Amino acid sequence: MKLKLISTVLILVAITGCTSPKGELITPSANGYDKIVFQKTARFKIVPAVEYTIVAGSEFIQDRVMKGVPVYCGQVTHSRTIVASDCFIYEGRDMITVNPMRLYHGTRKLPQGTIKHVKAKLS
């Protein structure tokens, strides 16, 4: 069991990196930041050995850009064991691009109604 956890962590670090999301922070508009809220729990593979889980109610705030592209950042669970921060590109209509700006990236179409796009109300 420990060997499986260690190997999962090593694969995860190799694929996603071991630091928090990077990018250039942006200033919110007068209406605040954009955000996406997961209305349903979403589970999808990044590569065969790594699965992401985003629970219903999770919020991803669009508070930065990576290489000029707006990204939404928040908490995900990697391989059902490790909670970490990560960023996605929101493509609209329940589609996201995972691991933007990394070697292993790709667009994932989630079931209809999974994501709601709103304005973040931050104090």
N, C-alpha and C. Protein backbone atom coordinates (compact mmCIF):
# COMPACT_ATOMS: atom_id res chain seq x y z
N MET A 1 0.82 -1.19 0.00
CA MET A 1 0.00 0.00 0.00
C MET A 1 0.86 1.26 0.00
N LYS A 2 1.91 1.28 0.85
CA LYS A 2 2.79 2.43 0.90
C LYS A 2 3.53 2.61 -0.42
N LEU A 3 3.93 1.50 -1.03
CA LEU A 3 4.63 1.56 -2.31
C LEU A 3 3.73 2.17 -3.38
N LYS A 4 2.46 1.79 -3.37
CA LYS A 4 1.51 2.35 -4.35
C LYS A 4 1.36 3.85 -4.14
N LEU A 5 1.25 4.30 -2.89
CA LEU A 5 1.11 5.71 -2.59
C LEU A 5 2.36 6.48 -3.01
N ILE A 6 3.53 5.94 -2.71
CA ILE A 6 4.78 6.59 -3.09
C ILE A 6 4.90 6.70 -4.60
N SER A 7 4.58 5.62 -5.30
CA SER A 7 4.68 5.67 -6.76
C SER A 7 3.66 6.65 -7.35
N THR A 8 2.47 6.72 -6.76
CA THR A 8 1.46 7.68 -7.22
C THR A 8 1.96 9.11 -7.02
N VAL A 9 2.56 9.39 -5.87
CA VAL A 9 3.08 10.73 -5.59
C VAL A 9 4.19 11.08 -6.57
N LEU A 10 5.10 10.15 -6.83
CA LEU A 10 6.19 10.41 -7.77
C LEU A 10 5.68 10.68 -9.18
N ILE A 11 4.70 9.91 -9.61
CA ILE A 11 4.11 10.14 -10.93
C ILE A 11 3.43 11.50 -10.97
N LEU A 12 2.70 11.81 -9.92
CA LEU A 12 1.99 13.09 -9.84
C LEU A 12 2.96 14.26 -9.91
N VAL A 13 4.05 14.18 -9.16
CA VAL A 13 5.04 15.25 -9.16
C VAL A 13 5.67 15.39 -10.55
N ALA A 14 5.95 14.26 -11.19
CA ALA A 14 6.55 14.31 -12.52
C ALA A 14 5.61 14.94 -13.54
N ILE A 15 4.33 14.68 -13.42
CA ILE A 15 3.36 15.18 -14.40
C ILE A 15 2.94 16.61 -14.12
N THR A 16 2.63 16.92 -12.88
CA THR A 16 2.04 18.23 -12.58
C THR A 16 3.02 19.21 -11.95
N GLY A 17 4.19 18.76 -11.57
CA GLY A 17 5.11 19.64 -10.88
C GLY A 17 4.81 19.64 -9.40
N CYS A 18 5.74 20.14 -8.60
CA CYS A 18 5.55 20.05 -7.16
C CYS A 18 5.30 21.41 -6.52
N THR A 19 4.98 22.41 -7.31
CA THR A 19 4.71 23.72 -6.74
C THR A 19 3.27 24.11 -7.00
N SER A 20 2.84 25.14 -6.32
CA SER A 20 1.48 25.63 -6.52
C SER A 20 1.38 26.30 -7.89
N PRO A 21 0.15 26.56 -8.34
CA PRO A 21 -0.01 27.17 -9.67
C PRO A 21 0.77 28.47 -9.80
N LYS A 22 1.34 28.64 -10.96
CA LYS A 22 2.09 29.85 -11.24
C LYS A 22 1.24 30.74 -12.13
N GLY A 23 1.84 31.73 -12.69
CA GLY A 23 1.13 32.63 -13.58
C GLY A 23 1.18 34.04 -13.03
N GLU A 24 0.75 34.96 -13.84
CA GLU A 24 0.72 36.36 -13.45
C GLU A 24 -0.65 36.69 -12.87
N LEU A 25 -0.66 37.21 -11.64
CA LEU A 25 -1.93 37.61 -11.02
C LEU A 25 -2.48 38.82 -11.75
N ILE A 26 -3.81 38.89 -11.85
CA ILE A 26 -4.45 40.02 -12.51
C ILE A 26 -5.28 40.80 -11.50
N THR A 27 -5.59 42.03 -11.83
CA THR A 27 -6.44 42.87 -11.00
C THR A 27 -7.89 42.61 -11.38
N PRO A 28 -8.76 42.40 -10.40
CA PRO A 28 -10.17 42.14 -10.75
C PRO A 28 -10.82 43.38 -11.36
N SER A 29 -11.83 43.15 -12.18
CA SER A 29 -12.62 44.26 -12.72
C SER A 29 -13.50 44.82 -11.61
N ALA A 30 -14.24 45.86 -11.90
CA ALA A 30 -15.15 46.44 -10.90
C ALA A 30 -16.19 45.42 -10.44
N ASN A 31 -16.51 44.46 -11.30
CA ASN A 31 -17.49 43.41 -10.96
C ASN A 31 -16.85 42.21 -10.27
N GLY A 32 -15.54 42.22 -10.08
CA GLY A 32 -14.86 41.10 -9.44
C GLY A 32 -14.26 40.14 -10.45
N TYR A 33 -13.73 39.05 -9.95
CA TYR A 33 -13.14 38.01 -10.80
C TYR A 33 -14.25 37.12 -11.37
N ASP A 34 -13.96 36.48 -12.50
CA ASP A 34 -14.82 35.41 -12.98
C ASP A 34 -14.51 34.17 -12.15
N LYS A 35 -15.48 33.28 -12.03
CA LYS A 35 -15.22 32.00 -11.39
C LYS A 35 -16.13 30.95 -12.01
N ILE A 36 -15.71 29.70 -11.87
CA ILE A 36 -16.55 28.58 -12.25
C ILE A 36 -16.81 27.77 -10.99
N VAL A 37 -18.03 27.27 -10.87
CA VAL A 37 -18.43 26.46 -9.72
C VAL A 37 -18.87 25.10 -10.26
N PHE A 38 -18.33 24.04 -9.68
CA PHE A 38 -18.73 22.70 -10.09
C PHE A 38 -20.04 22.34 -9.42
N GLN A 39 -21.07 22.12 -10.20
CA GLN A 39 -22.41 21.79 -9.72
C GLN A 39 -22.53 20.30 -9.42
N LYS A 40 -21.66 19.51 -10.03
CA LYS A 40 -21.63 18.05 -9.83
C LYS A 40 -20.18 17.65 -9.62
N THR A 41 -19.97 16.55 -8.92
CA THR A 41 -18.61 16.03 -8.78
C THR A 41 -18.14 15.53 -10.14
N ALA A 42 -16.91 15.90 -10.48
CA ALA A 42 -16.32 15.48 -11.75
C ALA A 42 -15.08 14.64 -11.47
N ARG A 43 -14.94 13.55 -12.19
CA ARG A 43 -13.77 12.68 -12.07
C ARG A 43 -13.31 12.36 -13.49
N PHE A 44 -12.02 12.60 -13.76
CA PHE A 44 -11.51 12.34 -15.11
C PHE A 44 -10.01 12.06 -15.03
N LYS A 45 -9.52 11.33 -16.02
CA LYS A 45 -8.11 10.95 -16.09
C LYS A 45 -7.30 12.05 -16.77
N ILE A 46 -6.11 12.28 -16.26
CA ILE A 46 -5.15 13.16 -16.91
C ILE A 46 -4.26 12.30 -17.80
N VAL A 47 -3.70 11.28 -17.23
CA VAL A 47 -2.98 10.20 -17.92
C VAL A 47 -3.46 8.92 -17.26
N PRO A 48 -3.18 7.75 -17.82
CA PRO A 48 -3.73 6.52 -17.23
C PRO A 48 -3.50 6.35 -15.72
N ALA A 49 -2.39 6.84 -15.19
CA ALA A 49 -2.09 6.62 -13.78
C ALA A 49 -2.59 7.74 -12.86
N VAL A 50 -3.09 8.84 -13.43
CA VAL A 50 -3.48 9.98 -12.60
C VAL A 50 -4.91 10.39 -12.92
N GLU A 51 -5.74 10.40 -11.86
CA GLU A 51 -7.14 10.78 -11.99
C GLU A 51 -7.38 12.02 -11.13
N TYR A 52 -8.12 12.98 -11.65
CA TYR A 52 -8.52 14.17 -10.90
C TYR A 52 -9.95 13.99 -10.43
N THR A 53 -10.22 14.46 -9.21
CA THR A 53 -11.59 14.53 -8.70
C THR A 53 -11.81 15.96 -8.23
N ILE A 54 -12.92 16.54 -8.69
CA ILE A 54 -13.32 17.87 -8.24
C ILE A 54 -14.73 17.72 -7.68
N VAL A 55 -14.88 17.98 -6.39
CA VAL A 55 -16.17 17.74 -5.74
C VAL A 55 -17.16 18.86 -6.05
N ALA A 56 -18.44 18.52 -6.01
CA ALA A 56 -19.50 19.50 -6.21
C ALA A 56 -19.34 20.63 -5.21
N GLY A 57 -19.51 21.84 -5.67
CA GLY A 57 -19.34 23.02 -4.82
C GLY A 57 -17.97 23.65 -4.92
N SER A 58 -17.01 22.97 -5.53
CA SER A 58 -15.66 23.52 -5.69
C SER A 58 -15.69 24.75 -6.58
N GLU A 59 -14.92 25.77 -6.18
CA GLU A 59 -14.84 27.01 -6.93
C GLU A 59 -13.44 27.20 -7.48
N PHE A 60 -13.37 27.65 -8.72
CA PHE A 60 -12.11 27.96 -9.38
C PHE A 60 -12.17 29.41 -9.83
N ILE A 61 -11.26 30.24 -9.32
CA ILE A 61 -11.25 31.67 -9.57
C ILE A 61 -10.29 32.00 -10.71
N GLN A 62 -10.73 32.87 -11.61
CA GLN A 62 -9.88 33.29 -12.73
C GLN A 62 -9.15 34.56 -12.28
N ASP A 63 -8.06 34.34 -11.50
CA ASP A 63 -7.32 35.46 -10.93
C ASP A 63 -5.92 35.60 -11.49
N ARG A 64 -5.62 34.85 -12.56
CA ARG A 64 -4.28 34.90 -13.14
C ARG A 64 -4.32 34.50 -14.60
N VAL A 65 -3.21 34.76 -15.27
CA VAL A 65 -3.03 34.31 -16.64
C VAL A 65 -1.71 33.54 -16.70
N MET A 66 -1.65 32.56 -17.58
CA MET A 66 -0.43 31.82 -17.84
C MET A 66 -0.12 31.98 -19.32
N LYS A 67 1.03 32.58 -19.61
CA LYS A 67 1.43 32.86 -20.99
C LYS A 67 0.33 33.61 -21.73
N GLY A 68 -0.29 34.55 -21.04
CA GLY A 68 -1.32 35.38 -21.64
C GLY A 68 -2.71 34.76 -21.71
N VAL A 69 -2.87 33.53 -21.23
CA VAL A 69 -4.15 32.83 -21.30
C VAL A 69 -4.81 32.84 -19.92
N PRO A 70 -6.08 33.30 -19.80
CA PRO A 70 -6.76 33.28 -18.51
C PRO A 70 -6.98 31.85 -18.02
N VAL A 71 -6.68 31.60 -16.74
CA VAL A 71 -6.88 30.28 -16.15
C VAL A 71 -7.68 30.41 -14.85
N TYR A 72 -8.39 29.34 -14.52
CA TYR A 72 -9.20 29.26 -13.31
C TYR A 72 -8.50 28.31 -12.35
N CYS A 73 -8.21 28.77 -11.13
CA CYS A 73 -7.43 27.97 -10.18
C CYS A 73 -8.25 27.65 -8.93
N GLY A 74 -8.01 26.44 -8.39
CA GLY A 74 -8.69 25.99 -7.18
C GLY A 74 -8.14 24.65 -6.74
N GLN A 75 -8.87 23.97 -5.85
CA GLN A 75 -8.42 22.71 -5.25
C GLN A 75 -8.96 21.50 -6.01
N VAL A 76 -8.08 20.54 -6.26
CA VAL A 76 -8.45 19.26 -6.87
C VAL A 76 -7.86 18.14 -6.04
N THR A 77 -8.42 16.95 -6.19
CA THR A 77 -7.84 15.77 -5.57
C THR A 77 -7.20 14.95 -6.67
N HIS A 78 -5.91 14.66 -6.52
CA HIS A 78 -5.17 13.87 -7.48
C HIS A 78 -5.18 12.41 -7.03
N SER A 79 -5.56 11.52 -7.93
CA SER A 79 -5.51 10.08 -7.67
C SER A 79 -6.19 9.68 -6.37
N ARG A 80 -7.25 10.39 -6.00
CA ARG A 80 -8.09 10.11 -4.84
C ARG A 80 -7.38 10.23 -3.49
N THR A 81 -6.15 10.76 -3.48
CA THR A 81 -5.41 10.81 -2.22
C THR A 81 -4.78 12.15 -1.91
N ILE A 82 -4.41 12.93 -2.90
CA ILE A 82 -3.63 14.14 -2.67
C ILE A 82 -4.43 15.37 -3.08
N VAL A 83 -4.68 16.26 -2.12
CA VAL A 83 -5.39 17.51 -2.42
C VAL A 83 -4.34 18.56 -2.76
N ALA A 84 -4.52 19.22 -3.89
CA ALA A 84 -3.55 20.22 -4.34
C ALA A 84 -4.26 21.32 -5.13
N SER A 85 -3.57 22.42 -5.30
CA SER A 85 -4.09 23.50 -6.14
C SER A 85 -3.70 23.24 -7.58
N ASP A 86 -4.60 23.57 -8.49
CA ASP A 86 -4.31 23.41 -9.91
C ASP A 86 -5.14 24.42 -10.69
N CYS A 87 -4.79 24.60 -11.94
CA CYS A 87 -5.48 25.56 -12.80
C CYS A 87 -5.95 24.89 -14.08
N PHE A 88 -7.06 25.40 -14.62
CA PHE A 88 -7.64 24.92 -15.87
C PHE A 88 -7.95 26.11 -16.76
N ILE A 89 -8.04 25.85 -18.04
CA ILE A 89 -8.62 26.82 -18.97
C ILE A 89 -10.08 26.42 -19.12
N TYR A 90 -10.99 27.35 -18.90
CA TYR A 90 -12.42 27.08 -19.07
C TYR A 90 -12.78 27.40 -20.51
N GLU A 91 -13.22 26.38 -21.24
CA GLU A 91 -13.54 26.51 -22.66
C GLU A 91 -15.01 26.86 -22.89
N GLY A 92 -15.83 26.80 -21.84
CA GLY A 92 -17.27 27.01 -21.98
C GLY A 92 -17.98 25.69 -22.22
N ARG A 93 -19.30 25.68 -22.03
CA ARG A 93 -20.13 24.50 -22.27
C ARG A 93 -19.57 23.23 -21.61
N ASP A 94 -19.20 23.34 -20.33
CA ASP A 94 -18.73 22.19 -19.54
C ASP A 94 -17.45 21.56 -20.10
N MET A 95 -16.61 22.37 -20.73
CA MET A 95 -15.32 21.89 -21.23
C MET A 95 -14.19 22.65 -20.55
N ILE A 96 -13.15 21.90 -20.13
CA ILE A 96 -11.97 22.50 -19.54
C ILE A 96 -10.73 21.91 -20.19
N THR A 97 -9.65 22.68 -20.20
CA THR A 97 -8.35 22.16 -20.62
C THR A 97 -7.54 21.98 -19.35
N VAL A 98 -7.16 20.75 -19.08
CA VAL A 98 -6.40 20.43 -17.87
C VAL A 98 -4.91 20.53 -18.16
N ASN A 99 -4.15 20.83 -17.11
CA ASN A 99 -2.70 20.97 -17.21
C ASN A 99 -2.27 21.95 -18.30
N PRO A 100 -2.87 23.14 -18.33
CA PRO A 100 -2.45 24.08 -19.37
C PRO A 100 -0.98 24.43 -19.21
N MET A 101 -0.32 24.62 -20.30
CA MET A 101 1.09 25.01 -20.36
C MET A 101 2.03 23.91 -19.88
N ARG A 102 1.54 22.67 -19.76
CA ARG A 102 2.39 21.56 -19.35
C ARG A 102 2.45 20.52 -20.46
N LEU A 103 3.37 19.59 -20.33
CA LEU A 103 3.55 18.55 -21.34
C LEU A 103 2.28 17.74 -21.54
N TYR A 104 1.66 17.29 -20.45
CA TYR A 104 0.44 16.49 -20.54
C TYR A 104 -0.76 17.40 -20.32
N HIS A 105 -1.35 17.86 -21.39
CA HIS A 105 -2.54 18.70 -21.28
C HIS A 105 -3.58 18.20 -22.28
N GLY A 106 -4.79 18.57 -22.06
CA GLY A 106 -5.85 18.17 -22.98
C GLY A 106 -7.19 18.68 -22.53
N THR A 107 -8.11 18.73 -23.47
CA THR A 107 -9.46 19.21 -23.19
C THR A 107 -10.33 18.05 -22.73
N ARG A 108 -11.12 18.30 -21.69
CA ARG A 108 -12.04 17.29 -21.17
C ARG A 108 -13.46 17.85 -21.25
N LYS A 109 -14.34 17.09 -21.87
CA LYS A 109 -15.77 17.44 -21.93
C LYS A 109 -16.43 16.76 -20.76
N LEU A 110 -17.04 17.54 -19.88
CA LEU A 110 -17.71 17.01 -18.70
C LEU A 110 -19.21 16.93 -18.96
N PRO A 111 -19.94 16.12 -18.19
CA PRO A 111 -21.39 16.02 -18.40
C PRO A 111 -22.07 17.39 -18.32
N GLN A 112 -23.11 17.55 -19.12
CA GLN A 112 -23.84 18.81 -19.17
C GLN A 112 -24.32 19.22 -17.78
N GLY A 113 -24.14 20.49 -17.45
CA GLY A 113 -24.57 21.01 -16.15
C GLY A 113 -23.54 20.86 -15.05
N THR A 114 -22.33 20.38 -15.38
CA THR A 114 -21.30 20.20 -14.36
C THR A 114 -20.75 21.53 -13.87
N ILE A 115 -20.58 22.49 -14.78
CA ILE A 115 -19.92 23.75 -14.45
C ILE A 115 -20.88 24.92 -14.63
N LYS A 116 -20.84 25.83 -13.64
CA LYS A 116 -21.61 27.08 -13.73
C LYS A 116 -20.61 28.23 -13.73
N HIS A 117 -20.73 29.16 -14.66
CA HIS A 117 -19.83 30.30 -14.78
C HIS A 117 -20.50 31.52 -14.16
N VAL A 118 -19.86 32.13 -13.16
CA VAL A 118 -20.44 33.27 -12.44
C VAL A 118 -19.34 34.28 -12.11
N LYS A 119 -19.71 35.37 -11.47
CA LYS A 119 -18.75 36.34 -10.95
C LYS A 119 -18.46 36.02 -9.49
N ALA A 120 -17.20 36.08 -9.11
CA ALA A 120 -16.82 35.84 -7.71
C ALA A 120 -17.12 37.09 -6.90
N LYS A 121 -17.69 36.91 -5.73
CA LYS A 121 -17.95 38.03 -4.82
C LYS A 121 -16.93 37.95 -3.70
N LEU A 122 -15.82 38.66 -3.90
CA LEU A 122 -14.75 38.65 -2.91
C LEU A 122 -14.78 39.95 -2.13
N SER A 123 -14.46 39.88 -0.83
CA SER A 123 -14.47 41.10 -0.04
C SER A 123 -13.13 41.78 -0.06
